[in-house]
């Protein structure tokens, strides 16, 4: 019985540390895989969960932003627009012009 408790006390934290390490490694690998690479033409800009079964996503594809709805039935295109540039966030161009003397 003492041998069993000793193994439990030693191995349980080891197994927990291994599980934590695997989760940490998986997150790091996902971050690397998700980084924008040269030649990629598709990027998820933003997502919003509306309900447990419905999600909105903005996808950038070849210089266009496409708003799609993702549900159990599949994907539906809702709208398309030219892609926003990184240097001028939405609404910033107008406010900067108003502040100029």
Protein backbone atom coordinates (compact mmCIF):
# COMPACT_ATOMS: atom_id res chain seq x y z
CA UNK A 1 0.00 0.00 0.00
CA UNK A 2 2.84 2.41 0.81
CA UNK A 3 4.51 1.62 -2.53
CA UNK A 4 1.25 2.50 -4.36
CA UNK A 5 0.93 5.85 -2.52
CA UNK A 6 4.57 6.69 -3.21
CA UNK A 7 4.10 6.01 -6.94
CA UNK A 8 0.90 8.06 -6.93
CA UNK A 9 2.58 11.01 -5.21
CA UNK A 10 5.52 10.92 -7.63
CA UNK A 11 3.77 10.13 -10.90
CA UNK A 12 0.61 12.23 -10.66
CA UNK A 13 2.46 15.59 -10.77
CA UNK A 14 4.68 14.21 -13.55
CA UNK A 15 1.65 13.27 -15.66
CA UNK A 16 0.06 16.67 -14.99
CA UNK A 17 3.28 18.45 -16.04
CA UNK A 18 3.44 16.35 -19.21
CA UNK A 19 -0.17 17.22 -20.08
CA UNK A 20 0.51 20.92 -19.48
CA UNK A 21 3.65 20.72 -21.61
CA UNK A 22 1.76 19.09 -24.49
CA UNK A 23 -0.91 21.81 -24.40
CA UNK A 24 1.76 24.53 -24.30
CA UNK A 25 3.62 22.96 -27.23
CA UNK A 26 0.41 22.61 -29.26
CA UNK A 27 -0.40 26.29 -28.70
CA UNK A 28 3.10 27.33 -29.77
CA UNK A 29 2.91 25.22 -32.92
CA UNK A 30 -0.50 26.68 -33.79
CA UNK A 31 0.86 30.21 -33.41
CA UNK A 32 3.70 29.40 -35.81
CA UNK A 33 1.39 27.74 -38.32
CA UNK A 34 -1.04 30.66 -38.14
CA UNK A 35 1.56 33.34 -38.82
CA UNK A 36 1.19 34.99 -42.18
CA UNK A 37 3.54 33.34 -44.63
CA UNK A 38 4.59 34.58 -48.03
CA UNK A 39 2.28 33.39 -50.75
CA UNK A 40 -0.80 32.91 -48.57
CA UNK A 41 -3.93 34.30 -50.15
CA UNK A 42 -6.43 33.52 -47.38
CA UNK A 43 -6.58 35.04 -43.88
CA UNK A 44 -9.28 35.07 -41.19
CA UNK A 45 -9.51 38.71 -40.09
CA UNK A 46 -12.14 38.44 -37.36
CA UNK A 47 -14.78 36.06 -36.01
CA UNK A 48 -17.85 36.64 -33.85
CA UNK A 49 -19.97 33.93 -32.26
CA UNK A 50 -23.65 34.88 -32.36
CA UNK A 51 -24.99 31.66 -30.86
CA UNK A 52 -23.66 28.17 -30.15
CA UNK A 53 -24.47 27.16 -33.73
CA UNK A 54 -23.96 30.45 -35.63
CA UNK A 55 -20.74 32.38 -36.23
CA UNK A 56 -19.80 35.34 -38.41
CA UNK A 57 -16.34 35.57 -39.95
CA UNK A 58 -14.51 38.15 -42.02
CA UNK A 59 -12.12 36.46 -44.43
CA UNK A 60 -9.54 38.30 -46.52
CA UNK A 61 -8.99 36.70 -49.91
CA UNK A 62 -6.94 38.27 -52.74
CA UNK A 63 -7.46 41.85 -51.59
CA UNK A 64 -11.16 41.42 -50.77
CA UNK A 65 -12.87 41.03 -47.41
CA UNK A 66 -15.74 38.55 -47.42
CA UNK A 67 -18.29 38.36 -44.59
CA UNK A 68 -19.52 34.78 -44.17
CA UNK A 69 -21.98 33.09 -41.84
CA UNK A 70 -20.97 29.66 -40.55
CA UNK A 71 -23.69 27.38 -39.22
CA UNK A 72 -24.47 23.68 -39.06
CA UNK A 73 -25.89 23.91 -42.58
CA UNK A 74 -22.62 25.29 -43.99
CA UNK A 75 -21.16 28.64 -45.07
CA UNK A 76 -23.13 31.51 -46.58
CA UNK A 77 -21.56 34.60 -48.14
CA UNK A 78 -23.22 37.72 -46.73
CA UNK A 79 -21.16 40.62 -48.12
CA UNK A 80 -17.95 41.55 -49.94
CA UNK A 81 -15.81 44.69 -49.76
CA UNK A 82 -12.31 45.81 -50.69
CA UNK A 83 -9.75 44.91 -48.02
CA UNK A 84 -8.89 47.59 -45.47
CA UNK A 85 -5.25 48.63 -45.30
CA UNK A 86 -3.35 48.11 -42.06
CA UNK A 87 -2.18 51.76 -41.92
CA UNK A 88 -5.70 53.23 -41.94
CA UNK A 89 -8.09 51.44 -39.58
CA UNK A 90 -11.80 51.94 -40.10
CA UNK A 91 -12.79 55.52 -39.33
CA UNK A 92 -9.24 56.75 -38.72
CA UNK A 93 -8.84 58.55 -42.05
CA UNK A 94 -11.82 60.82 -41.44
CA UNK A 95 -10.85 61.68 -37.87
CA UNK A 96 -7.24 62.47 -38.86
CA UNK A 97 -8.44 64.85 -41.57
CA UNK A 98 -10.69 66.64 -39.09
CA UNK A 99 -7.82 67.18 -36.62
CA UNK A 100 -5.41 68.67 -39.17
CA UNK A 101 -5.05 72.50 -38.95
